[in-house]
Amino acid sequence: MKNKQLISFILPAYHAQSFIYNNLNLFSKYCTEADFKSEIIVVNDGSTDKTNEAIQSFLKDKKNGTLIKYINLPENRGKGFAIKKGFELSEGQYIVFTDCDLPYSFKNIDDVVKKLVNKEANVVIACRMHRNSVYKIRSENLSYIYIRHTSGRIYNWLINFFTRVNIEDTQAGLKGFDRETAELVFSKLSIDGFSFDIELLVCSKENEKKISSVPIEFNYESEMSTISFVKQTFFMTSGLMKVFFKRMSGYYKK
């Protein structure tokens, strides 16, 4: 990659004590070896387990020169809020956020960065529905994945019906923005929780920002509980209606 511009990676974390140390090690190694400058911003979203201790331990042990900034929020506010706080601390020309359990490959992250740096789009998002996307699934999770996939398709239809974003997959946890677009969409962000992705994309679309998608290799390691799934669906539907009415009022236009 010819451009040596700074990429700000934001990693929100919640109850991640079992894997955050190892994953931060992997991510910092990736940044050190990548053909671009970068900073990692880790945001602990009020975890009540030992996520903070694990992150502090990693920062103490860190051996490479990757710049890592850390925000330890005193209470759980939601992924959208955590990423917004991370953005406020960022200095990069491009902002990329991804899940700290690393369900997406580093190649996928590379694809997002390259499209941004090459100015192919203002917003680049991972798309699990892309024809070239690949799923890695444990056999015991097949029934759950089928239900999750089917309900996701229905929900995505509702998102497109109410928002007109016309995007196949609004909820994938890997997204990137150029600085100007990020400043705009995060200034309009009003949802802290599950539907913040929709709000970011609707704001981008309403301001005629170019949105592009990349295929991904998605790793389904664990199954969400039924209670968590129902709770998430409720809050996402509520958030969708909030975005719908704000869009109709012209709130998202610059």
C-alpha atoms as a PDB file:
ATOM      1  CA  MET A   1       0.000   0.000   0.000  1.00  0.00           C
ATOM      2  CA  LYS A   2       1.597   3.255  -1.109  1.00  0.00           C
ATOM      3  CA  ASN A   3      -0.266   5.560   1.268  1.00  0.00           C
ATOM      4  CA  LYS A   4       1.220   5.727   4.757  1.00  0.00           C
ATOM      5  CA  GLN A   5      -1.766   7.346   6.372  1.00  0.00           C
ATOM      6  CA  LEU A   6      -2.814   6.682   9.942  1.00  0.00           C
ATOM      7  CA  ILE A   7      -5.589   4.152  10.585  1.00  0.00           C
ATOM      8  CA  SER A   8      -7.406   4.298  13.920  1.00  0.00           C
ATOM      9  CA  PHE A   9      -8.735   0.887  14.951  1.00  0.00           C
ATOM     10  CA  ILE A  10     -11.417   0.915  17.635  1.00  0.00           C
ATOM     11  CA  LEU A  11     -12.002  -2.301  19.584  1.00  0.00           C
ATOM     12  CA  PRO A  12     -14.973  -2.217  21.985  1.00  0.00           C
ATOM     13  CA  ALA A  13     -14.784  -4.868  24.709  1.00  0.00           C
ATOM     14  CA  TYR A  14     -17.380  -6.234  27.093  1.00  0.00           C
ATOM     15  CA  HIS A  15     -16.889  -9.288  29.333  1.00  0.00           C
ATOM     16  CA  ALA A  16     -13.887 -10.332  27.272  1.00  0.00           C
ATOM     17  CA  GLN A  17     -11.545 -11.530  30.009  1.00  0.00           C
ATOM     18  CA  SER A  18     -11.089 -14.998  28.497  1.00  0.00           C
ATOM     19  CA  PHE A  19      -9.709 -13.821  25.146  1.00  0.00           C
ATOM     20  CA  ILE A  20      -8.877 -10.110  25.183  1.00  0.00           C
ATOM     21  CA  TYR A  21      -5.190 -10.523  26.140  1.00  0.00           C
ATOM     22  CA  ASN A  22      -4.464 -12.970  23.330  1.00  0.00           C
ATOM     23  CA  ASN A  23      -6.521 -11.046  20.771  1.00  0.00           C
ATOM     24  CA  LEU A  24      -4.838  -7.746  21.569  1.00  0.00           C
ATOM     25  CA  ASN A  25      -1.526  -9.487  21.087  1.00  0.00           C
ATOM     26  CA  LEU A  26      -2.672 -10.760  17.672  1.00  0.00           C
ATOM     27  CA  PHE A  27      -4.076  -7.383  16.653  1.00  0.00           C
ATOM     28  CA  SER A  28      -1.012  -5.397  17.700  1.00  0.00           C
ATOM     29  CA  LYS A  29       1.201  -7.859  15.809  1.00  0.00           C
ATOM     30  CA  TYR A  30      -1.002  -7.387  12.721  1.00  0.00           C
ATOM     31  CA  CYS A  31      -0.651  -3.596  13.000  1.00  0.00           C
ATOM     32  CA  THR A  32       3.114  -3.819  13.395  1.00  0.00           C
ATOM     33  CA  GLU A  33       3.455  -5.923  10.240  1.00  0.00           C
ATOM     34  CA  ALA A  34       0.856  -4.069   8.130  1.00  0.00           C
ATOM     35  CA  ASP A  35       1.832  -1.650   5.372  1.00  0.00           C
ATOM     36  CA  PHE A  36       0.256   1.363   7.056  1.00  0.00           C
ATOM     37  CA  LYS A  37       0.602   3.349  10.264  1.00  0.00           C
ATOM     38  CA  SER A  38      -1.990   2.626  12.908  1.00  0.00           C
ATOM     39  CA  GLU A  39      -3.219   3.111  16.433  1.00  0.00           C
ATOM     40  CA  ILE A  40      -5.442   0.789  18.452  1.00  0.00           C
ATOM     41  CA  ILE A  41      -8.080   2.247  20.753  1.00  0.00           C
ATOM     42  CA  VAL A  42      -9.488  -0.285  23.215  1.00  0.00           C
ATOM     43  CA  VAL A  43     -12.711   0.649  25.002  1.00  0.00           C
ATOM     44  CA  ASN A  44     -13.838  -1.484  27.937  1.00  0.00           C
ATOM     45  CA  ASP A  45     -17.600  -0.934  28.086  1.00  0.00           C
ATOM     46  CA  GLY A  46     -18.074  -1.252  31.831  1.00  0.00           C
ATOM     47  CA  SER A  47     -17.280  -4.967  32.065  1.00  0.00           C
ATOM     48  CA  THR A  48     -17.896  -6.457  35.526  1.00  0.00           C
ATOM     49  CA  ASP A  49     -15.550  -9.417  35.016  1.00  0.00           C
ATOM     50  CA  LYS A  50     -11.759  -9.122  34.811  1.00  0.00           C
ATOM     51  CA  THR A  51     -11.607  -7.588  31.326  1.00  0.00           C
ATOM     52  CA  ASN A  52      -9.958  -4.440  32.707  1.00  0.00           C
ATOM     53  CA  GLU A  53      -7.299  -6.466  34.510  1.00  0.00           C
ATOM     54  CA  ALA A  54      -6.578  -8.501  31.361  1.00  0.00           C
ATOM     55  CA  ILE A  55      -6.186  -5.335  29.259  1.00  0.00           C
ATOM     56  CA  GLN A  56      -3.973  -3.693  31.868  1.00  0.00           C
ATOM     57  CA  SER A  57      -1.842  -6.838  31.962  1.00  0.00           C
ATOM     58  CA  PHE A  58      -1.444  -6.761  28.181  1.00  0.00           C
ATOM     59  CA  LEU A  59      -0.457  -3.096  28.195  1.00  0.00           C
ATOM     60  CA  LYS A  60       2.167  -3.833  30.829  1.00  0.00           C
ATOM     61  CA  ASP A  61       3.565  -6.817  28.898  1.00  0.00           C
ATOM     62  CA  LYS A  62       3.315  -5.323  25.384  1.00  0.00           C
ATOM     63  CA  LYS A  63       6.587  -5.728  23.520  1.00  0.00           C
ATOM     64  CA  ASN A  64       6.036  -4.158  20.062  1.00  0.00           C
ATOM     65  CA  GLY A  65       5.763  -0.484  19.201  1.00  0.00           C
ATOM     66  CA  THR A  66       2.092  -0.330  18.208  1.00  0.00           C
ATOM     67  CA  LEU A  67       0.389   2.695  19.766  1.00  0.00           C
ATOM     68  CA  ILE A  68      -2.460   1.554  22.012  1.00  0.00           C
ATOM     69  CA  LYS A  69      -4.878   3.883  23.779  1.00  0.00           C
ATOM     70  CA  TYR A  70      -7.204   2.572  26.485  1.00  0.00           C
ATOM     71  CA  ILE A  71     -10.551   3.825  27.782  1.00  0.00           C
ATOM     72  CA  ASN A  72     -12.094   2.072  30.781  1.00  0.00           C
ATOM     73  CA  LEU A  73     -15.734   3.155  31.013  1.00  0.00           C
ATOM     74  CA  PRO A  74     -17.177   3.051  34.558  1.00  0.00           C
ATOM     75  CA  GLU A  75     -20.483   1.519  33.447  1.00  0.00           C
ATOM     76  CA  ASN A  76     -21.921  -0.426  30.529  1.00  0.00           C
ATOM     77  CA  ARG A  77     -23.453   1.983  28.006  1.00  0.00           C
ATOM     78  CA  GLY A  78     -23.606  -0.119  24.841  1.00  0.00           C
ATOM     79  CA  LYS A  79     -21.390  -0.787  21.852  1.00  0.00           C
ATOM     80  CA  GLY A  80     -22.393   2.384  20.010  1.00  0.00           C
ATOM     81  CA  PHE A  81     -21.439   4.584  22.965  1.00  0.00           C
ATOM     82  CA  ALA A  82     -18.134   2.738  23.412  1.00  0.00           C
ATOM     83  CA  ILE A  83     -17.158   3.169  19.766  1.00  0.00           C
ATOM     84  CA  LYS A  84     -18.105   6.851  19.850  1.00  0.00           C
ATOM     85  CA  LYS A  85     -15.860   7.386  22.880  1.00  0.00           C
ATOM     86  CA  GLY A  86     -13.087   5.604  21.012  1.00  0.00           C
ATOM     87  CA  PHE A  87     -13.586   7.843  17.998  1.00  0.00           C
ATOM     88  CA  GLU A  88     -13.279  10.945  20.181  1.00  0.00           C
ATOM     89  CA  LEU A  89      -9.771   9.778  21.131  1.00  0.00           C
ATOM     90  CA  SER A  90      -8.762   8.837  17.573  1.00  0.00           C
ATOM     91  CA  GLU A  91      -6.334  10.752  15.388  1.00  0.00           C
ATOM     92  CA  GLY A  92      -6.404   8.718  12.170  1.00  0.00           C
ATOM     93  CA  GLN A  93      -7.426   9.822   8.701  1.00  0.00           C
ATOM     94  CA  TYR A  94      -9.515   6.637   8.599  1.00  0.00           C
ATOM     95  CA  ILE A  95     -11.524   5.012  11.373  1.00  0.00           C
ATOM     96  CA  VAL A  96     -12.167   1.262  11.466  1.00  0.00           C
ATOM     97  CA  PHE A  97     -14.002  -0.594  14.210  1.00  0.00           C
ATOM     98  CA  THR A  98     -14.270  -4.321  14.682  1.00  0.00           C
ATOM     99  CA  ASP A  99     -15.293  -6.770  17.407  1.00  0.00           C
ATOM    100  CA  CYS A 100     -12.586  -7.663  19.909  1.00  0.00           C
ATOM    101  CA  ASP A 101     -13.318 -11.400  19.652  1.00  0.00           C
ATOM    102  CA  LEU A 102     -11.957 -11.088  16.084  1.00  0.00           C
ATOM    103  CA  PRO A 103     -14.705 -12.935  14.162  1.00  0.00           C
ATOM    104  CA  TYR A 104     -13.360 -11.363  10.944  1.00  0.00           C
ATOM    105  CA  SER A 105      -9.984 -12.260   9.457  1.00  0.00           C
ATOM    106  CA  PHE A 106      -7.130  -9.776   9.191  1.00  0.00           C
ATOM    107  CA  LYS A 107      -7.469 -10.092   5.422  1.00  0.00           C
ATOM    108  CA  ASN A 108     -11.018  -8.749   5.770  1.00  0.00           C
ATOM    109  CA  ILE A 109      -9.707  -5.830   7.806  1.00  0.00           C
ATOM    110  CA  ASP A 110      -7.055  -5.241   5.141  1.00  0.00           C
ATOM    111  CA  ASP A 111      -9.772  -5.149   2.468  1.00  0.00           C
ATOM    112  CA  VAL A 112     -11.673  -2.466   4.376  1.00  0.00           C
ATOM    113  CA  VAL A 113      -8.539  -0.364   4.920  1.00  0.00           C
ATOM    114  CA  LYS A 114      -7.429  -0.602   1.281  1.00  0.00           C
ATOM    115  CA  LYS A 115     -10.799   0.532  -0.056  1.00  0.00           C
ATOM    116  CA  LEU A 116     -10.744   3.529   2.278  1.00  0.00           C
ATOM    117  CA  VAL A 117      -7.136   4.545   1.595  1.00  0.00           C
ATOM    118  CA  ASN A 118      -7.627   4.120  -2.153  1.00  0.00           C
ATOM    119  CA  LYS A 119     -10.695   6.366  -1.843  1.00  0.00           C
ATOM    120  CA  GLU A 120     -13.033   3.821  -3.405  1.00  0.00           C
ATOM    121  CA  ALA A 121     -15.708   4.773  -0.851  1.00  0.00           C
ATOM    122  CA  ASN A 122     -16.370   6.990   2.154  1.00  0.00           C
ATOM    123  CA  VAL A 123     -17.738   4.060   4.128  1.00  0.00           C
ATOM    124  CA  VAL A 124     -16.672   0.419   3.794  1.00  0.00           C
ATOM    125  CA  ILE A 125     -18.589  -2.336   5.566  1.00  0.00           C
ATOM    126  CA  ALA A 126     -18.243  -6.077   5.945  1.00  0.00           C
ATOM    127  CA  CYS A 127     -21.098  -7.991   4.340  1.00  0.00           C
ATOM    128  CA  ARG A 128     -21.994 -11.485   5.551  1.00  0.00           C
ATOM    129  CA  MET A 129     -24.519 -11.772   2.722  1.00  0.00           C
ATOM    130  CA  HIS A 130     -21.964 -11.132  -0.018  1.00  0.00           C
ATOM    131  CA  ARG A 131     -21.841 -13.982  -2.543  1.00  0.00           C
ATOM    132  CA  ASN A 132     -18.141 -14.466  -1.779  1.00  0.00           C
ATOM    133  CA  SER A 133     -18.465 -14.494   2.008  1.00  0.00           C
ATOM    134  CA  VAL A 134     -17.487 -17.665   3.865  1.00  0.00           C
ATOM    135  CA  TYR A 135     -18.844 -18.897   7.226  1.00  0.00           C
ATOM    136  CA  LYS A 136     -16.909 -21.014   9.720  1.00  0.00           C
ATOM    137  CA  ILE A 137     -19.428 -22.742  11.983  1.00  0.00           C
ATOM    138  CA  ARG A 138     -19.272 -25.337  14.729  1.00  0.00           C
ATOM    139  CA  SER A 139     -21.622 -28.234  13.950  1.00  0.00           C
ATOM    140  CA  GLU A 140     -23.482 -27.858  17.274  1.00  0.00           C
ATOM    141  CA  ASN A 141     -24.416 -24.268  16.314  1.00  0.00           C
ATOM    142  CA  LEU A 142     -26.029 -25.074  12.952  1.00  0.00           C
ATOM    143  CA  SER A 143     -29.647 -24.858  14.155  1.00  0.00           C
ATOM    144  CA  TYR A 144     -28.992 -21.555  15.908  1.00  0.00           C
ATOM    145  CA  ILE A 145     -27.233 -20.112  12.876  1.00  0.00           C
ATOM    146  CA  TYR A 146     -30.155 -21.063  10.639  1.00  0.00           C
ATOM    147  CA  ILE A 147     -32.619 -19.278  12.930  1.00  0.00           C
ATOM    148  CA  ARG A 148     -30.290 -16.310  13.315  1.00  0.00           C
ATOM    149  CA  HIS A 149     -29.733 -16.067   9.556  1.00  0.00           C
ATOM    150  CA  THR A 150     -33.451 -16.280   8.735  1.00  0.00           C
ATOM    151  CA  SER A 151     -34.478 -13.709  11.334  1.00  0.00           C
ATOM    152  CA  GLY A 152     -31.588 -11.505  10.213  1.00  0.00           C
ATOM    153  CA  ARG A 153     -32.841 -11.518   6.632  1.00  0.00           C
ATOM    154  CA  ILE A 154     -36.318 -10.509   7.805  1.00  0.00           C
ATOM    155  CA  TYR A 155     -34.928  -7.776  10.010  1.00  0.00           C
ATOM    156  CA  ASN A 156     -32.675  -6.481   7.241  1.00  0.00           C
ATOM    157  CA  TRP A 157     -35.716  -6.233   4.970  1.00  0.00           C
ATOM    158  CA  LEU A 158     -37.423  -4.116   7.629  1.00  0.00           C
ATOM    159  CA  ILE A 159     -34.333  -1.902   7.923  1.00  0.00           C
ATOM    160  CA  ASN A 160     -34.276  -1.262   4.189  1.00  0.00           C
ATOM    161  CA  PHE A 161     -38.049  -0.697   4.098  1.00  0.00           C
ATOM    162  CA  PHE A 162     -37.982   1.943   6.839  1.00  0.00           C
ATOM    163  CA  THR A 163     -34.641   3.602   6.060  1.00  0.00           C
ATOM    164  CA  ARG A 164     -34.095   3.111   2.299  1.00  0.00           C
ATOM    165  CA  VAL A 165     -30.397   2.438   2.829  1.00  0.00           C
ATOM    166  CA  ASN A 166     -30.608  -0.584   0.476  1.00  0.00           C
ATOM    167  CA  ILE A 167     -27.759  -2.473   2.135  1.00  0.00           C
ATOM    168  CA  GLU A 168     -27.634  -6.266   2.374  1.00  0.00           C
ATOM    169  CA  ASP A 169     -26.025  -6.401   5.807  1.00  0.00           C
ATOM    170  CA  THR A 170     -26.162  -3.405   8.143  1.00  0.00           C
ATOM    171  CA  GLN A 171     -25.159  -5.238  11.328  1.00  0.00           C
ATOM    172  CA  ALA A 172     -21.739  -6.770  10.599  1.00  0.00           C
ATOM    173  CA  GLY A 173     -19.266  -5.662  13.251  1.00  0.00           C
ATOM    174  CA  LEU A 174     -16.522  -4.515  10.873  1.00  0.00           C
ATOM    175  CA  LYS A 175     -16.916  -1.025   9.398  1.00  0.00           C
ATOM    176  CA  GLY A 176     -14.637   1.780   8.262  1.00  0.00           C
ATOM    177  CA  PHE A 177     -15.055   5.507   7.552  1.00  0.00           C
ATOM    178  CA  ASP A 178     -12.939   8.319   6.222  1.00  0.00           C
ATOM    179  CA  ARG A 179     -12.348  11.041   8.794  1.00  0.00           C
ATOM    180  CA  GLU A 180     -14.805  13.566   7.384  1.00  0.00           C
ATOM    181  CA  THR A 181     -17.625  11.024   7.232  1.00  0.00           C
ATOM    182  CA  ALA A 182     -16.834   9.692  10.705  1.00  0.00           C
ATOM    183  CA  GLU A 183     -16.987  13.181  12.188  1.00  0.00           C
ATOM    184  CA  LEU A 184     -20.391  13.703  10.603  1.00  0.00           C
ATOM    185  CA  VAL A 185     -22.008  10.380  11.532  1.00  0.00           C
ATOM    186  CA  PHE A 186     -20.713  10.245  15.100  1.00  0.00           C
ATOM    187  CA  SER A 187     -21.931  13.807  15.704  1.00  0.00           C
ATOM    188  CA  LYS A 188     -25.425  12.555  14.820  1.00  0.00           C
ATOM    189  CA  LEU A 189     -25.230   9.271  16.745  1.00  0.00           C
ATOM    190  CA  SER A 190     -28.008   9.108  19.343  1.00  0.00           C
ATOM    191  CA  ILE A 191     -28.289   5.341  19.908  1.00  0.00           C
ATOM    192  CA  ASP A 192     -25.855   3.746  22.344  1.00  0.00           C
ATOM    193  CA  GLY A 193     -26.862   0.138  21.827  1.00  0.00           C
ATOM    194  CA  PHE A 194     -27.744  -2.456  19.211  1.00  0.00           C
ATOM    195  CA  SER A 195     -29.042  -0.207  16.407  1.00  0.00           C
ATOM    196  CA  PHE A 196     -26.177   2.265  16.250  1.00  0.00           C
ATOM    197  CA  ASP A 197     -24.926   0.638  12.997  1.00  0.00           C
ATOM    198  CA  ILE A 198     -28.198   1.512  11.284  1.00  0.00           C
ATOM    199  CA  GLU A 199     -27.949   5.115  12.419  1.00  0.00           C
ATOM    200  CA  LEU A 200     -24.371   5.481  11.122  1.00  0.00           C
ATOM    201  CA  LEU A 201     -25.320   4.078   7.717  1.00  0.00           C
ATOM    202  CA  VAL A 202     -28.550   6.062   7.412  1.00  0.00           C
ATOM    203  CA  CYS A 203     -26.679   9.275   8.206  1.00  0.00           C
ATOM    204  CA  SER A 204     -24.034   8.370   5.586  1.00  0.00           C
ATOM    205  CA  LYS A 205     -26.715   7.641   2.994  1.00  0.00           C
ATOM    206  CA  GLU A 206     -28.719  10.781   3.748  1.00  0.00           C
ATOM    207  CA  ASN A 207     -25.575  12.839   3.105  1.00  0.00           C
ATOM    208  CA  GLU A 208     -24.788  11.017  -0.162  1.00  0.00           C
ATOM    209  CA  LYS A 209     -21.652   9.328   1.113  1.00  0.00           C
ATOM    210  CA  LYS A 210     -20.480   6.389  -0.985  1.00  0.00           C
ATOM    211  CA  ILE A 211     -20.895   3.063   0.824  1.00  0.00           C
ATOM    212  CA  SER A 212     -19.107  -0.067  -0.356  1.00  0.00           C
ATOM    213  CA  SER A 213     -19.107  -3.625   1.000  1.00  0.00           C
ATOM    214  CA  VAL A 214     -16.491  -6.374   1.164  1.00  0.00           C
ATOM    215  CA  PRO A 215     -16.968 -10.151   1.473  1.00  0.00           C
ATOM    216  CA  ILE A 216     -15.782 -11.692   4.723  1.00  0.00           C
ATOM    217  CA  GLU A 217     -14.724 -14.898   6.421  1.00  0.00           C
ATOM    218  CA  PHE A 218     -16.991 -15.000   9.460  1.00  0.00           C
ATOM    219  CA  ASN A 219     -16.180 -17.208  12.426  1.00  0.00           C
ATOM    220  CA  TYR A 220     -19.175 -18.312  14.516  1.00  0.00           C
ATOM    221  CA  GLU A 221     -17.504 -19.592  17.696  1.00  0.00           C
ATOM    222  CA  SER A 222     -20.375 -19.471  20.156  1.00  0.00           C
ATOM    223  CA  GLU A 223     -24.140 -19.435  20.358  1.00  0.00           C
ATOM    224  CA  MET A 224     -26.062 -16.543  21.868  1.00  0.00           C
ATOM    225  CA  SER A 225     -28.629 -17.461  24.532  1.00  0.00           C
ATOM    226  CA  THR A 226     -32.324 -17.339  23.595  1.00  0.00           C
ATOM    227  CA  ILE A 227     -32.924 -14.627  26.196  1.00  0.00           C
ATOM    228  CA  SER A 228     -30.101 -12.471  24.794  1.00  0.00           C
ATOM    229  CA  PHE A 229     -31.356 -12.984  21.236  1.00  0.00           C
ATOM    230  CA  VAL A 230     -34.935 -11.940  22.114  1.00  0.00           C
ATOM    231  CA  LYS A 231     -33.659  -8.967  24.126  1.00  0.00           C
ATOM    232  CA  GLN A 232     -31.403  -7.863  21.263  1.00  0.00           C
ATOM    233  CA  THR A 233     -34.235  -8.141  18.735  1.00  0.00           C
ATOM    234  CA  PHE A 234     -36.511  -5.993  20.921  1.00  0.00           C
ATOM    235  CA  PHE A 235     -33.974  -3.214  21.373  1.00  0.00           C
ATOM    236  CA  MET A 236     -32.946  -3.272  17.707  1.00  0.00           C
ATOM    237  CA  THR A 237     -36.565  -2.901  16.589  1.00  0.00           C
ATOM    238  CA  SER A 238     -37.043  -0.035  19.011  1.00  0.00           C
ATOM    239  CA  GLY A 239     -33.860   1.583  17.705  1.00  0.00           C
ATOM    240  CA  LEU A 240     -34.972   1.114  14.094  1.00  0.00           C
ATOM    241  CA  MET A 241     -38.190   3.028  14.778  1.00  0.00           C
ATOM    242  CA  LYS A 242     -36.188   5.812  16.405  1.00  0.00           C
ATOM    243  CA  VAL A 243     -33.945   6.062  13.333  1.00  0.00           C
ATOM    244  CA  PHE A 244     -37.004   5.999  11.046  1.00  0.00           C
ATOM    245  CA  PHE A 245     -38.640   8.998  12.721  1.00  0.00           C
ATOM    246  CA  LYS A 246     -35.368  10.931  12.920  1.00  0.00           C
ATOM    247  CA  ARG A 247     -34.772  10.307   9.225  1.00  0.00           C
ATOM    248  CA  MET A 248     -38.265  11.515   8.355  1.00  0.00           C
ATOM    249  CA  SER A 249     -37.638  14.700  10.345  1.00  0.00           C
ATOM    250  CA  GLY A 250     -34.433  15.424   8.394  1.00  0.00           C
ATOM    251  CA  TYR A 251     -32.230  15.020  11.488  1.00  0.00           C
ATOM    252  CA  TYR A 252     -29.425  13.210   9.680  1.00  0.00           C
ATOM    253  CA  LYS A 253     -28.874  15.695   6.894  1.00  0.00           C
ATOM    254  CA  LYS A 254     -25.806  17.862   7.360  1.00  0.00           C
END
